[in-house]
Amino acid sequence: MDDKDLLESLRPIQTKRIMDLVEQAGIDVSKWSFNENGGPVKASPAANYCYEWAFGGDQEPTLLCIWHKSLKASKGQIFFADNLRQLGLDLVRIAENKDQKIRSRANSQSKRARNFDKALITCSQKTQPVRVVLLVGDELPKDDLGLDSSKVKYRWLDPEPWFIHKYQMETGAFRLVRSEPLQTQVPLPIVDSPPDKFIDQFSNFDYPEKRTLTGTVYVRSPEVRESVLKRATGVCEFCGQPGFKTAAGRIYLETHHVIPLEDDGQDKEWNVVAICPNDHRRAHHAEDHEEIKSQLLAILAKHYPSAIPY
């Protein structure tokens, strides 16, 4: 079979609900029946997450949605090469100076692109394969994303696993290959420094439990900060931009309690995000800081759906 016929053999020809395909991949979809407040969804549960681009992770398989026409084939190898981190940044720029509808759509698509990128980073570090849902329909050119939405006509869960053969931490560029694991099973070298070498604004300080100086200093658990920085994998959890590299080769982001400690917020992973310094200042001082707070809580809710009591 030549490359063209090989690609054509993977083209979806059936209409499948994404919910059913996600479940078929071994991912729990029971939470799809409930909204962010814990109440039942009014519409069909299948519509609750159907526009997402990445699913699963942690202890579950990782599933990514890819347009069939984005695939390439060479000498019998089928692959998908792209940069979803850059796409997320481009969508943020599309949202600027546009009407509210376009701004909302572009920001939502940017988050989906960043979630796709973060899934790739995690699987790269753990040398885990991913499952892929292939899509056929009216895919918008990248320059038109944010201005409108692509329309899916057919979906199909590829029975074969896909493997990350390349991921560049500095840029976000990647190459995902069907059915062919890497020859080596060691983690991909996605960062120049060891993957646990992430630091924040408190890395050079040792904070006590709680003490009074000229004011009150609250406990900030080093274990929580370290866990959150590793979760972010060097990428701002709000805007998707990579943290800057220090002179020592470490990746710098700032840890932020979404519900402030002084407002009885918990010093737990499900209340702390790792974000770039600019977004950290915005989270405290911008005129839309309450909206940013809500968006950060929604991001955390996806990581810890049963932990956040807010």
C-alpha atoms as a PDB file:
ATOM      1  CA  MET A   1       0.000   0.000   0.000  1.00  0.00           C
ATOM      2  CA  ASP A   2       1.483   3.358  -0.978  1.00  0.00           C
ATOM      3  CA  ASP A   3       1.474   6.389   1.309  1.00  0.00           C
ATOM      4  CA  LYS A   4      -1.585   7.973  -0.284  1.00  0.00           C
ATOM      5  CA  ASP A   5      -3.676   4.809   0.086  1.00  0.00           C
ATOM      6  CA  LEU A   6      -2.389   4.352   3.627  1.00  0.00           C
ATOM      7  CA  LEU A   7      -3.611   7.806   4.609  1.00  0.00           C
ATOM      8  CA  GLU A   8      -6.936   7.235   2.879  1.00  0.00           C
ATOM      9  CA  SER A   9      -7.450   4.010   4.851  1.00  0.00           C
ATOM     10  CA  LEU A  10      -7.508   6.082   8.060  1.00  0.00           C
ATOM     11  CA  ARG A  11     -10.154   8.533   6.882  1.00  0.00           C
ATOM     12  CA  PRO A  12     -13.206   8.440   9.206  1.00  0.00           C
ATOM     13  CA  ILE A  13     -16.465   7.575   7.459  1.00  0.00           C
ATOM     14  CA  GLN A  14     -18.771   7.232  10.473  1.00  0.00           C
ATOM     15  CA  THR A  15     -20.448   9.783  12.698  1.00  0.00           C
ATOM     16  CA  LYS A  16     -19.477   9.024  16.286  1.00  0.00           C
ATOM     17  CA  ARG A  17     -20.071  11.015  19.460  1.00  0.00           C
ATOM     18  CA  ILE A  18     -16.827  12.217  21.015  1.00  0.00           C
ATOM     19  CA  MET A  19     -18.169  11.112  24.420  1.00  0.00           C
ATOM     20  CA  ASP A  20     -18.448   7.518  23.211  1.00  0.00           C
ATOM     21  CA  LEU A  21     -14.976   7.567  21.667  1.00  0.00           C
ATOM     22  CA  VAL A  22     -13.430   9.036  24.821  1.00  0.00           C
ATOM     23  CA  GLU A  23     -15.041   6.309  26.887  1.00  0.00           C
ATOM     24  CA  GLN A  24     -13.934   3.689  24.356  1.00  0.00           C
ATOM     25  CA  ALA A  25     -10.347   4.889  24.883  1.00  0.00           C
ATOM     26  CA  GLY A  26     -10.634   4.048  28.593  1.00  0.00           C
ATOM     27  CA  ILE A  27     -11.328   7.530  29.979  1.00  0.00           C
ATOM     28  CA  ASP A  28     -14.015   8.137  32.613  1.00  0.00           C
ATOM     29  CA  VAL A  29     -16.814  10.336  31.223  1.00  0.00           C
ATOM     30  CA  SER A  30     -19.148  10.224  34.232  1.00  0.00           C
ATOM     31  CA  LYS A  31     -18.324  13.861  35.095  1.00  0.00           C
ATOM     32  CA  TRP A  32     -19.703  14.950  31.720  1.00  0.00           C
ATOM     33  CA  SER A  33     -23.191  14.704  33.203  1.00  0.00           C
ATOM     34  CA  PHE A  34     -22.498  17.508  35.682  1.00  0.00           C
ATOM     35  CA  ASN A  35     -21.679  21.196  35.340  1.00  0.00           C
ATOM     36  CA  GLU A  36     -18.912  23.078  37.169  1.00  0.00           C
ATOM     37  CA  ASN A  37     -21.230  23.648  40.145  1.00  0.00           C
ATOM     38  CA  GLY A  38     -21.967  19.941  40.503  1.00  0.00           C
ATOM     39  CA  GLY A  39     -25.500  20.111  39.126  1.00  0.00           C
ATOM     40  CA  PRO A  40     -26.763  17.990  36.232  1.00  0.00           C
ATOM     41  CA  VAL A  41     -26.285  19.441  32.759  1.00  0.00           C
ATOM     42  CA  LYS A  42     -29.473  20.536  31.042  1.00  0.00           C
ATOM     43  CA  ALA A  43     -28.363  19.477  27.568  1.00  0.00           C
ATOM     44  CA  SER A  44     -27.103  16.063  26.520  1.00  0.00           C
ATOM     45  CA  PRO A  45     -23.960  15.070  28.494  1.00  0.00           C
ATOM     46  CA  ALA A  46     -22.326  14.286  25.159  1.00  0.00           C
ATOM     47  CA  ALA A  47     -22.296  18.022  24.370  1.00  0.00           C
ATOM     48  CA  ASN A  48     -20.582  19.024  27.615  1.00  0.00           C
ATOM     49  CA  TYR A  49     -16.981  18.542  26.462  1.00  0.00           C
ATOM     50  CA  CYS A  50     -17.434  17.793  22.766  1.00  0.00           C
ATOM     51  CA  TYR A  51     -15.429  20.827  21.624  1.00  0.00           C
ATOM     52  CA  GLU A  52     -12.284  19.938  23.581  1.00  0.00           C
ATOM     53  CA  TRP A  53      -9.104  18.829  21.800  1.00  0.00           C
ATOM     54  CA  ALA A  54      -7.458  16.769  24.573  1.00  0.00           C
ATOM     55  CA  PHE A  55      -8.848  14.338  27.137  1.00  0.00           C
ATOM     56  CA  GLY A  56      -7.655  12.124  29.978  1.00  0.00           C
ATOM     57  CA  GLY A  57      -4.182  12.205  31.457  1.00  0.00           C
ATOM     58  CA  ASP A  58      -2.943  11.575  35.004  1.00  0.00           C
ATOM     59  CA  GLN A  59      -3.882   7.934  35.684  1.00  0.00           C
ATOM     60  CA  GLU A  60      -5.968   7.634  32.514  1.00  0.00           C
ATOM     61  CA  PRO A  61      -4.906   7.344  28.858  1.00  0.00           C
ATOM     62  CA  THR A  62      -4.338  10.594  26.979  1.00  0.00           C
ATOM     63  CA  LEU A  63      -6.564  11.170  23.956  1.00  0.00           C
ATOM     64  CA  LEU A  64      -5.971  13.874  21.322  1.00  0.00           C
ATOM     65  CA  CYS A  65      -8.240  15.011  18.477  1.00  0.00           C
ATOM     66  CA  ILE A  66      -6.490  15.513  15.124  1.00  0.00           C
ATOM     67  CA  TRP A  67      -7.846  16.476  11.714  1.00  0.00           C
ATOM     68  CA  HIS A  68      -7.271  13.720   9.186  1.00  0.00           C
ATOM     69  CA  LYS A  69      -6.130  16.135   6.485  1.00  0.00           C
ATOM     70  CA  SER A  70      -3.359  17.343   8.824  1.00  0.00           C
ATOM     71  CA  LEU A  71      -1.679  13.923   8.673  1.00  0.00           C
ATOM     72  CA  LYS A  72       1.357  13.235   6.501  1.00  0.00           C
ATOM     73  CA  ALA A  73       2.829   9.966   5.253  1.00  0.00           C
ATOM     74  CA  SER A  74       6.369   9.153   4.188  1.00  0.00           C
ATOM     75  CA  LYS A  75       7.766   5.696   3.411  1.00  0.00           C
ATOM     76  CA  GLY A  76       4.926   3.986   5.216  1.00  0.00           C
ATOM     77  CA  GLN A  77       5.166   6.184   8.334  1.00  0.00           C
ATOM     78  CA  ILE A  78       2.128   8.278   9.245  1.00  0.00           C
ATOM     79  CA  PHE A  79       2.795  11.332  11.387  1.00  0.00           C
ATOM     80  CA  PHE A  80       1.376  14.632  12.596  1.00  0.00           C
ATOM     81  CA  ALA A  81       3.795  17.541  13.042  1.00  0.00           C
ATOM     82  CA  ASP A  82       2.643  20.900  14.384  1.00  0.00           C
ATOM     83  CA  ASN A  83       2.974  23.453  17.191  1.00  0.00           C
ATOM     84  CA  LEU A  84      -0.122  23.831  19.358  1.00  0.00           C
ATOM     85  CA  ARG A  85       1.601  26.116  21.845  1.00  0.00           C
ATOM     86  CA  GLN A  86       2.236  28.654  19.093  1.00  0.00           C
ATOM     87  CA  LEU A  87      -1.348  28.216  17.892  1.00  0.00           C
ATOM     88  CA  GLY A  88      -2.559  29.058  21.398  1.00  0.00           C
ATOM     89  CA  LEU A  89      -0.499  32.248  21.407  1.00  0.00           C
ATOM     90  CA  ASP A  90      -1.736  33.190  17.944  1.00  0.00           C
ATOM     91  CA  LEU A  91      -5.330  32.777  19.110  1.00  0.00           C
ATOM     92  CA  VAL A  92      -4.687  35.102  22.057  1.00  0.00           C
ATOM     93  CA  ARG A  93      -3.539  37.761  19.603  1.00  0.00           C
ATOM     94  CA  ILE A  94      -6.614  37.147  17.431  1.00  0.00           C
ATOM     95  CA  ALA A  95      -8.766  37.872  20.475  1.00  0.00           C
ATOM     96  CA  GLU A  96      -7.251  41.324  20.904  1.00  0.00           C
ATOM     97  CA  ASN A  97      -9.291  44.277  19.703  1.00  0.00           C
ATOM     98  CA  LYS A  98     -12.139  42.067  18.459  1.00  0.00           C
ATOM     99  CA  ASP A  99     -15.818  41.989  19.430  1.00  0.00           C
ATOM    100  CA  GLN A 100     -16.882  39.993  22.461  1.00  0.00           C
ATOM    101  CA  LYS A 101     -18.068  36.939  20.508  1.00  0.00           C
ATOM    102  CA  ILE A 102     -14.781  36.540  18.641  1.00  0.00           C
ATOM    103  CA  ARG A 103     -12.769  37.274  21.774  1.00  0.00           C
ATOM    104  CA  SER A 104     -14.624  34.589  23.739  1.00  0.00           C
ATOM    105  CA  ARG A 105     -14.270  31.998  20.962  1.00  0.00           C
ATOM    106  CA  ALA A 106     -10.572  32.723  20.387  1.00  0.00           C
ATOM    107  CA  ASN A 107      -9.787  32.546  24.113  1.00  0.00           C
ATOM    108  CA  SER A 108     -11.628  29.220  24.405  1.00  0.00           C
ATOM    109  CA  GLN A 109      -9.764  27.786  21.427  1.00  0.00           C
ATOM    110  CA  SER A 110      -6.483  29.067  22.842  1.00  0.00           C
ATOM    111  CA  LYS A 111      -7.087  27.134  26.068  1.00  0.00           C
ATOM    112  CA  ARG A 112      -7.842  23.982  24.085  1.00  0.00           C
ATOM    113  CA  ALA A 113      -4.587  24.394  22.177  1.00  0.00           C
ATOM    114  CA  ARG A 114      -2.668  24.878  25.436  1.00  0.00           C
ATOM    115  CA  ASN A 115      -4.290  21.777  26.959  1.00  0.00           C
ATOM    116  CA  PHE A 116      -3.249  19.793  23.873  1.00  0.00           C
ATOM    117  CA  ASP A 117       0.300  21.111  24.260  1.00  0.00           C
ATOM    118  CA  LYS A 118       0.420  20.286  27.989  1.00  0.00           C
ATOM    119  CA  ALA A 119      -0.795  16.747  27.278  1.00  0.00           C
ATOM    120  CA  LEU A 120       2.094  16.314  24.835  1.00  0.00           C
ATOM    121  CA  ILE A 121       4.606  17.596  27.384  1.00  0.00           C
ATOM    122  CA  THR A 122       3.375  15.177  30.046  1.00  0.00           C
ATOM    123  CA  CYS A 123       3.418  12.188  27.699  1.00  0.00           C
ATOM    124  CA  SER A 124       6.880  13.190  26.453  1.00  0.00           C
ATOM    125  CA  GLN A 125       8.295  13.243  29.968  1.00  0.00           C
ATOM    126  CA  LYS A 126       6.706   9.900  30.846  1.00  0.00           C
ATOM    127  CA  THR A 127       7.361   8.310  27.423  1.00  0.00           C
ATOM    128  CA  GLN A 128       3.673   7.411  27.265  1.00  0.00           C
ATOM    129  CA  PRO A 129       1.791   6.731  24.014  1.00  0.00           C
ATOM    130  CA  VAL A 130      -1.374   8.673  23.196  1.00  0.00           C
ATOM    131  CA  ARG A 131      -4.651   7.660  21.629  1.00  0.00           C
ATOM    132  CA  VAL A 132      -5.952   9.658  18.682  1.00  0.00           C
ATOM    133  CA  VAL A 133      -9.427  10.513  17.404  1.00  0.00           C
ATOM    134  CA  LEU A 134      -9.268  11.438  13.727  1.00  0.00           C
ATOM    135  CA  LEU A 135     -11.674  14.082  12.444  1.00  0.00           C
ATOM    136  CA  VAL A 136     -13.146  14.901   9.045  1.00  0.00           C
ATOM    137  CA  GLY A 137     -15.294  17.936   8.315  1.00  0.00           C
ATOM    138  CA  ASP A 138     -14.998  21.636   7.619  1.00  0.00           C
ATOM    139  CA  GLU A 139     -11.666  22.494   9.217  1.00  0.00           C
ATOM    140  CA  LEU A 140     -10.884  26.191   9.266  1.00  0.00           C
ATOM    141  CA  PRO A 141      -7.437  27.415   8.210  1.00  0.00           C
ATOM    142  CA  LYS A 142      -5.385  28.404  11.255  1.00  0.00           C
ATOM    143  CA  ASP A 143      -5.621  32.075  10.321  1.00  0.00           C
ATOM    144  CA  ASP A 144      -9.419  31.857  10.607  1.00  0.00           C
ATOM    145  CA  LEU A 145      -9.564  30.103  13.960  1.00  0.00           C
ATOM    146  CA  GLY A 146     -11.067  32.346  16.583  1.00  0.00           C
ATOM    147  CA  LEU A 147     -13.102  34.112  13.919  1.00  0.00           C
ATOM    148  CA  ASP A 148     -15.297  31.021  13.541  1.00  0.00           C
ATOM    149  CA  SER A 149     -15.475  27.358  14.576  1.00  0.00           C
ATOM    150  CA  SER A 150     -14.567  24.246  12.594  1.00  0.00           C
ATOM    151  CA  LYS A 151     -17.362  21.745  11.981  1.00  0.00           C
ATOM    152  CA  VAL A 152     -16.774  18.016  12.518  1.00  0.00           C
ATOM    153  CA  LYS A 153     -18.709  15.579  10.322  1.00  0.00           C
ATOM    154  CA  TYR A 154     -17.014  12.244  11.017  1.00  0.00           C
ATOM    155  CA  ARG A 155     -14.935  10.916  13.926  1.00  0.00           C
ATOM    156  CA  TRP A 156     -13.050   7.675  14.451  1.00  0.00           C
ATOM    157  CA  LEU A 157     -10.892   6.337  17.285  1.00  0.00           C
ATOM    158  CA  ASP A 158      -7.679   4.973  15.828  1.00  0.00           C
ATOM    159  CA  PRO A 159      -7.059   1.534  17.399  1.00  0.00           C
ATOM    160  CA  GLU A 160      -3.291   2.047  17.094  1.00  0.00           C
ATOM    161  CA  PRO A 161      -1.287   4.049  19.661  1.00  0.00           C
ATOM    162  CA  TRP A 162       0.694   7.116  18.613  1.00  0.00           C
ATOM    163  CA  PHE A 163       4.122   8.034  19.960  1.00  0.00           C
ATOM    164  CA  ILE A 164       5.865  11.374  20.453  1.00  0.00           C
ATOM    165  CA  HIS A 165       9.123  11.258  18.507  1.00  0.00           C
ATOM    166  CA  LYS A 166      10.013  14.908  19.029  1.00  0.00           C
ATOM    167  CA  TYR A 167       9.003  17.687  21.391  1.00  0.00           C
ATOM    168  CA  GLN A 168      10.910  20.976  21.626  1.00  0.00           C
ATOM    169  CA  MET A 169      10.323  22.599  24.995  1.00  0.00           C
ATOM    170  CA  GLU A 170      11.663  25.951  23.834  1.00  0.00           C
ATOM    171  CA  THR A 171       9.241  26.266  20.911  1.00  0.00           C
ATOM    172  CA  GLY A 172       6.451  23.691  21.370  1.00  0.00           C
ATOM    173  CA  ALA A 173       7.087  22.040  17.983  1.00  0.00           C
ATOM    174  CA  PHE A 174       6.381  18.305  17.978  1.00  0.00           C
ATOM    175  CA  ARG A 175       6.157  15.203  15.806  1.00  0.00           C
ATOM    176  CA  LEU A 176       3.589  12.505  16.656  1.00  0.00           C
ATOM    177  CA  VAL A 177       4.003   9.153  14.874  1.00  0.00           C
ATOM    178  CA  ARG A 178       1.472   6.357  14.446  1.00  0.00           C
ATOM    179  CA  SER A 179       2.291   2.820  15.668  1.00  0.00           C
ATOM    180  CA  GLU A 180       6.058   3.341  15.938  1.00  0.00           C
ATOM    181  CA  PRO A 181       7.510   3.687  19.450  1.00  0.00           C
ATOM    182  CA  LEU A 182      10.902   5.291  19.819  1.00  0.00           C
ATOM    183  CA  GLN A 183      13.847   2.927  19.690  1.00  0.00           C
ATOM    184  CA  THR A 184      14.920   4.144  23.119  1.00  0.00           C
ATOM    185  CA  GLN A 185      12.643   4.166  26.130  1.00  0.00           C
ATOM    186  CA  VAL A 186      14.396   6.981  27.973  1.00  0.00           C
ATOM    187  CA  PRO A 187      12.430  10.243  28.359  1.00  0.00           C
ATOM    188  CA  LEU A 188      12.757  12.717  25.511  1.00  0.00           C
ATOM    189  CA  PRO A 189      15.233  15.552  26.157  1.00  0.00           C
ATOM    190  CA  ILE A 190      12.611  18.289  26.127  1.00  0.00           C
ATOM    191  CA  VAL A 191      14.495  20.653  28.442  1.00  0.00           C
ATOM    192  CA  ASP A 192      18.179  21.461  28.736  1.00  0.00           C
ATOM    193  CA  SER A 193      18.038  21.195  32.526  1.00  0.00           C
ATOM    194  CA  PRO A 194      16.478  18.296  34.481  1.00  0.00           C
ATOM    195  CA  PRO A 195      12.659  18.380  34.347  1.00  0.00           C
ATOM    196  CA  ASP A 196      12.385  19.011  38.096  1.00  0.00           C
ATOM    197  CA  LYS A 197      14.487  22.186  37.915  1.00  0.00           C
ATOM    198  CA  PHE A 198      11.633  24.685  38.033  1.00  0.00           C
ATOM    199  CA  ILE A 199      11.712  27.645  40.405  1.00  0.00           C
ATOM    200  CA  ASP A 200       9.343  30.359  41.584  1.00  0.00           C
ATOM    201  CA  GLN A 201       9.541  33.644  43.471  1.00  0.00           C
ATOM    202  CA  PHE A 202       9.974  31.847  46.803  1.00  0.00           C
ATOM    203  CA  SER A 203      12.708  29.433  45.784  1.00  0.00           C
ATOM    204  CA  ASN A 204      15.415  31.320  47.677  1.00  0.00           C
ATOM    205  CA  PHE A 205      13.401  31.796  50.846  1.00  0.00           C
ATOM    206  CA  ASP A 206      12.307  29.504  53.664  1.00  0.00           C
ATOM    207  CA  TYR A 207       8.916  30.511  55.042  1.00  0.00           C
ATOM    208  CA  PRO A 208       7.846  29.430  58.557  1.00  0.00           C
ATOM    209  CA  GLU A 209       4.429  28.129  59.505  1.00  0.00           C
ATOM    210  CA  LYS A 210       2.847  31.465  60.443  1.00  0.00           C
ATOM    211  CA  ARG A 211       4.416  34.308  62.287  1.00  0.00           C
ATOM    212  CA  THR A 212       3.937  37.995  62.940  1.00  0.00           C
ATOM    213  CA  LEU A 213       6.572  40.465  61.844  1.00  0.00           C
ATOM    214  CA  THR A 214       5.296  43.828  60.619  1.00  0.00           C
ATOM    215  CA  GLY A 215       2.379  41.788  59.255  1.00  0.00           C
ATOM    216  CA  THR A 216       1.359  38.163  58.896  1.00  0.00           C
ATOM    217  CA  VAL A 217       3.377  35.682  56.858  1.00  0.00           C
ATOM    218  CA  TYR A 218       1.388  32.620  55.771  1.00  0.00           C
ATOM    219  CA  VAL A 219       2.717  29.146  55.263  1.00  0.00           C
ATOM    220  CA  ARG A 220       3.605  28.250  51.690  1.00  0.00           C
ATOM    221  CA  SER A 221       4.414  24.583  51.531  1.00  0.00           C
ATOM    222  CA  PRO A 222       7.577  23.870  49.493  1.00  0.00           C
ATOM    223  CA  GLU A 223       6.040  20.517  48.532  1.00  0.00           C
ATOM    224  CA  VAL A 224       2.912  22.194  47.143  1.00  0.00           C
ATOM    225  CA  ARG A 225       4.941  24.747  45.201  1.00  0.00           C
ATOM    226  CA  GLU A 226       7.193  22.038  43.772  1.00  0.00           C
ATOM    227  CA  SER A 227       4.187  19.918  42.775  1.00  0.00           C
ATOM    228  CA  VAL A 228       2.477  22.862  41.059  1.00  0.00           C
ATOM    229  CA  LEU A 229       5.637  23.873  39.181  1.00  0.00           C
ATOM    230  CA  LYS A 230       6.059  20.297  37.934  1.00  0.00           C
ATOM    231  CA  ARG A 231       2.402  20.210  36.898  1.00  0.00           C
ATOM    232  CA  ALA A 232       2.923  23.343  34.798  1.00  0.00           C
ATOM    233  CA  THR A 233       6.044  21.811  33.156  1.00  0.00           C
ATOM    234  CA  GLY A 234       7.574  25.244  32.657  1.00  0.00           C
ATOM    235  CA  VAL A 235       4.565  26.755  30.867  1.00  0.00           C
ATOM    236  CA  CYS A 236       2.269  29.465  32.264  1.00  0.00           C
ATOM    237  CA  GLU A 237      -1.006  27.772  33.157  1.00  0.00           C
ATOM    238  CA  PHE A 238      -2.973  30.869  32.133  1.00  0.00           C
ATOM    239  CA  CYS A 239      -1.496  32.238  28.899  1.00  0.00           C
ATOM    240  CA  GLY A 240       0.489  29.188  27.758  1.00  0.00           C
ATOM    241  CA  GLN A 241       3.801  30.996  27.307  1.00  0.00           C
ATOM    242  CA  PRO A 242       6.935  29.234  28.579  1.00  0.00           C
ATOM    243  CA  GLY A 243       8.613  30.667  31.641  1.00  0.00           C
ATOM    244  CA  PHE A 244      11.966  32.317  31.123  1.00  0.00           C
ATOM    245  CA  LYS A 245      15.193  30.424  31.689  1.00  0.00           C
ATOM    246  CA  THR A 246      17.422  31.729  34.477  1.00  0.00           C
ATOM    247  CA  ALA A 247      21.185  32.031  34.240  1.00  0.00           C
ATOM    248  CA  ALA A 248      21.406  28.697  36.081  1.00  0.00           C
ATOM    249  CA  GLY A 249      19.277  27.028  33.411  1.00  0.00           C
ATOM    250  CA  ARG A 250      16.109  26.721  35.482  1.00  0.00           C
ATOM    251  CA  ILE A 251      12.630  27.636  34.251  1.00  0.00           C
ATOM    252  CA  TYR A 252      10.983  30.459  36.224  1.00  0.00           C
ATOM    253  CA  LEU A 253       7.252  30.867  36.858  1.00  0.00           C
ATOM    254  CA  GLU A 254       5.456  32.359  39.847  1.00  0.00           C
ATOM    255  CA  THR A 255       3.120  30.395  42.112  1.00  0.00           C
ATOM    256  CA  HIS A 256      -0.182  32.083  42.916  1.00  0.00           C
ATOM    257  CA  HIS A 257      -2.952  31.180  45.378  1.00  0.00           C
ATOM    258  CA  VAL A 258      -6.152  31.722  43.407  1.00  0.00           C
ATOM    259  CA  ILE A 259      -8.188  32.038  46.617  1.00  0.00           C
ATOM    260  CA  PRO A 260      -5.762  34.159  48.677  1.00  0.00           C
ATOM    261  CA  LEU A 261      -4.434  32.757  51.950  1.00  0.00           C
ATOM    262  CA  GLU A 262      -5.686  35.853  53.748  1.00  0.00           C
ATOM    263  CA  ASP A 263      -9.179  34.974  52.487  1.00  0.00           C
ATOM    264  CA  ASP A 264      -8.872  31.481  53.988  1.00  0.00           C
ATOM    265  CA  GLY A 265      -7.707  29.951  50.712  1.00  0.00           C
ATOM    266  CA  GLN A 266      -5.985  26.604  51.112  1.00  0.00           C
ATOM    267  CA  ASP A 267      -2.296  26.000  50.524  1.00  0.00           C
ATOM    268  CA  LYS A 268      -3.097  22.979  48.362  1.00  0.00           C
ATOM    269  CA  GLU A 269      -2.307  22.050  44.761  1.00  0.00           C
ATOM    270  CA  TRP A 270      -5.950  22.586  43.834  1.00  0.00           C
ATOM    271  CA  ASN A 271      -5.740  26.264  44.876  1.00  0.00           C
ATOM    272  CA  VAL A 272      -2.323  27.140  43.425  1.00  0.00           C
ATOM    273  CA  VAL A 273      -1.329  27.844  39.832  1.00  0.00           C
ATOM    274  CA  ALA A 274       2.048  28.478  38.214  1.00  0.00           C
ATOM    275  CA  ILE A 275       1.844  31.544  35.984  1.00  0.00           C
ATOM    276  CA  CYS A 276       4.176  34.024  34.316  1.00  0.00           C
ATOM    277  CA  PRO A 277       5.076  37.216  36.218  1.00  0.00           C
ATOM    278  CA  ASN A 278       2.885  39.375  33.963  1.00  0.00           C
ATOM    279  CA  ASP A 279      -0.224  37.245  34.545  1.00  0.00           C
ATOM    280  CA  HIS A 280       0.591  37.106  38.268  1.00  0.00           C
ATOM    281  CA  ARG A 281       0.472  40.907  38.447  1.00  0.00           C
ATOM    282  CA  ARG A 282      -2.745  40.877  36.408  1.00  0.00           C
ATOM    283  CA  ALA A 283      -4.306  38.333  38.767  1.00  0.00           C
ATOM    284  CA  HIS A 284      -3.732  40.765  41.645  1.00  0.00           C
ATOM    285  CA  HIS A 285      -4.124  44.211  40.129  1.00  0.00           C
ATOM    286  CA  ALA A 286      -5.872  44.181  36.729  1.00  0.00           C
ATOM    287  CA  GLU A 287      -9.329  45.668  36.394  1.00  0.00           C
ATOM    288  CA  ASP A 288     -10.581  42.245  35.276  1.00  0.00           C
ATOM    289  CA  HIS A 289      -8.851  40.367  38.107  1.00  0.00           C
ATOM    290  CA  GLU A 290     -12.127  38.755  39.220  1.00  0.00           C
ATOM    291  CA  GLU A 291     -12.643  37.327  35.724  1.00  0.00           C
ATOM    292  CA  ILE A 292      -9.044  36.069  35.739  1.00  0.00           C
ATOM    293  CA  LYS A 293      -9.710  34.467  39.122  1.00  0.00           C
ATOM    294  CA  SER A 294     -12.745  32.635  37.717  1.00  0.00           C
ATOM    295  CA  GLN A 295     -10.754  31.424  34.726  1.00  0.00           C
ATOM    296  CA  LEU A 296      -7.937  30.153  36.954  1.00  0.00           C
ATOM    297  CA  LEU A 297     -10.432  28.275  39.143  1.00  0.00           C
ATOM    298  CA  ALA A 298     -11.902  26.681  36.019  1.00  0.00           C
ATOM    299  CA  ILE A 299      -8.402  25.571  34.965  1.00  0.00           C
ATOM    300  CA  LEU A 300      -7.801  24.015  38.393  1.00  0.00           C
ATOM    301  CA  ALA A 301     -11.212  22.338  38.330  1.00  0.00           C
ATOM    302  CA  LYS A 302     -10.143  20.346  35.272  1.00  0.00           C
ATOM    303  CA  HIS A 303      -7.137  18.987  37.192  1.00  0.00           C
ATOM    304  CA  TYR A 304      -9.012  18.359  40.449  1.00  0.00           C
ATOM    305  CA  PRO A 305     -12.740  18.034  39.630  1.00  0.00           C
ATOM    306  CA  SER A 306     -13.660  16.597  43.026  1.00  0.00           C
ATOM    307  CA  ALA A 307     -11.262  18.575  45.233  1.00  0.00           C
ATOM    308  CA  ILE A 308     -12.197  22.236  44.816  1.00  0.00           C
ATOM    309  CA  PRO A 309     -15.018  23.247  47.182  1.00  0.00           C
ATOM    310  CA  TYR A 310     -15.574  26.687  45.647  1.00  0.00           C
END
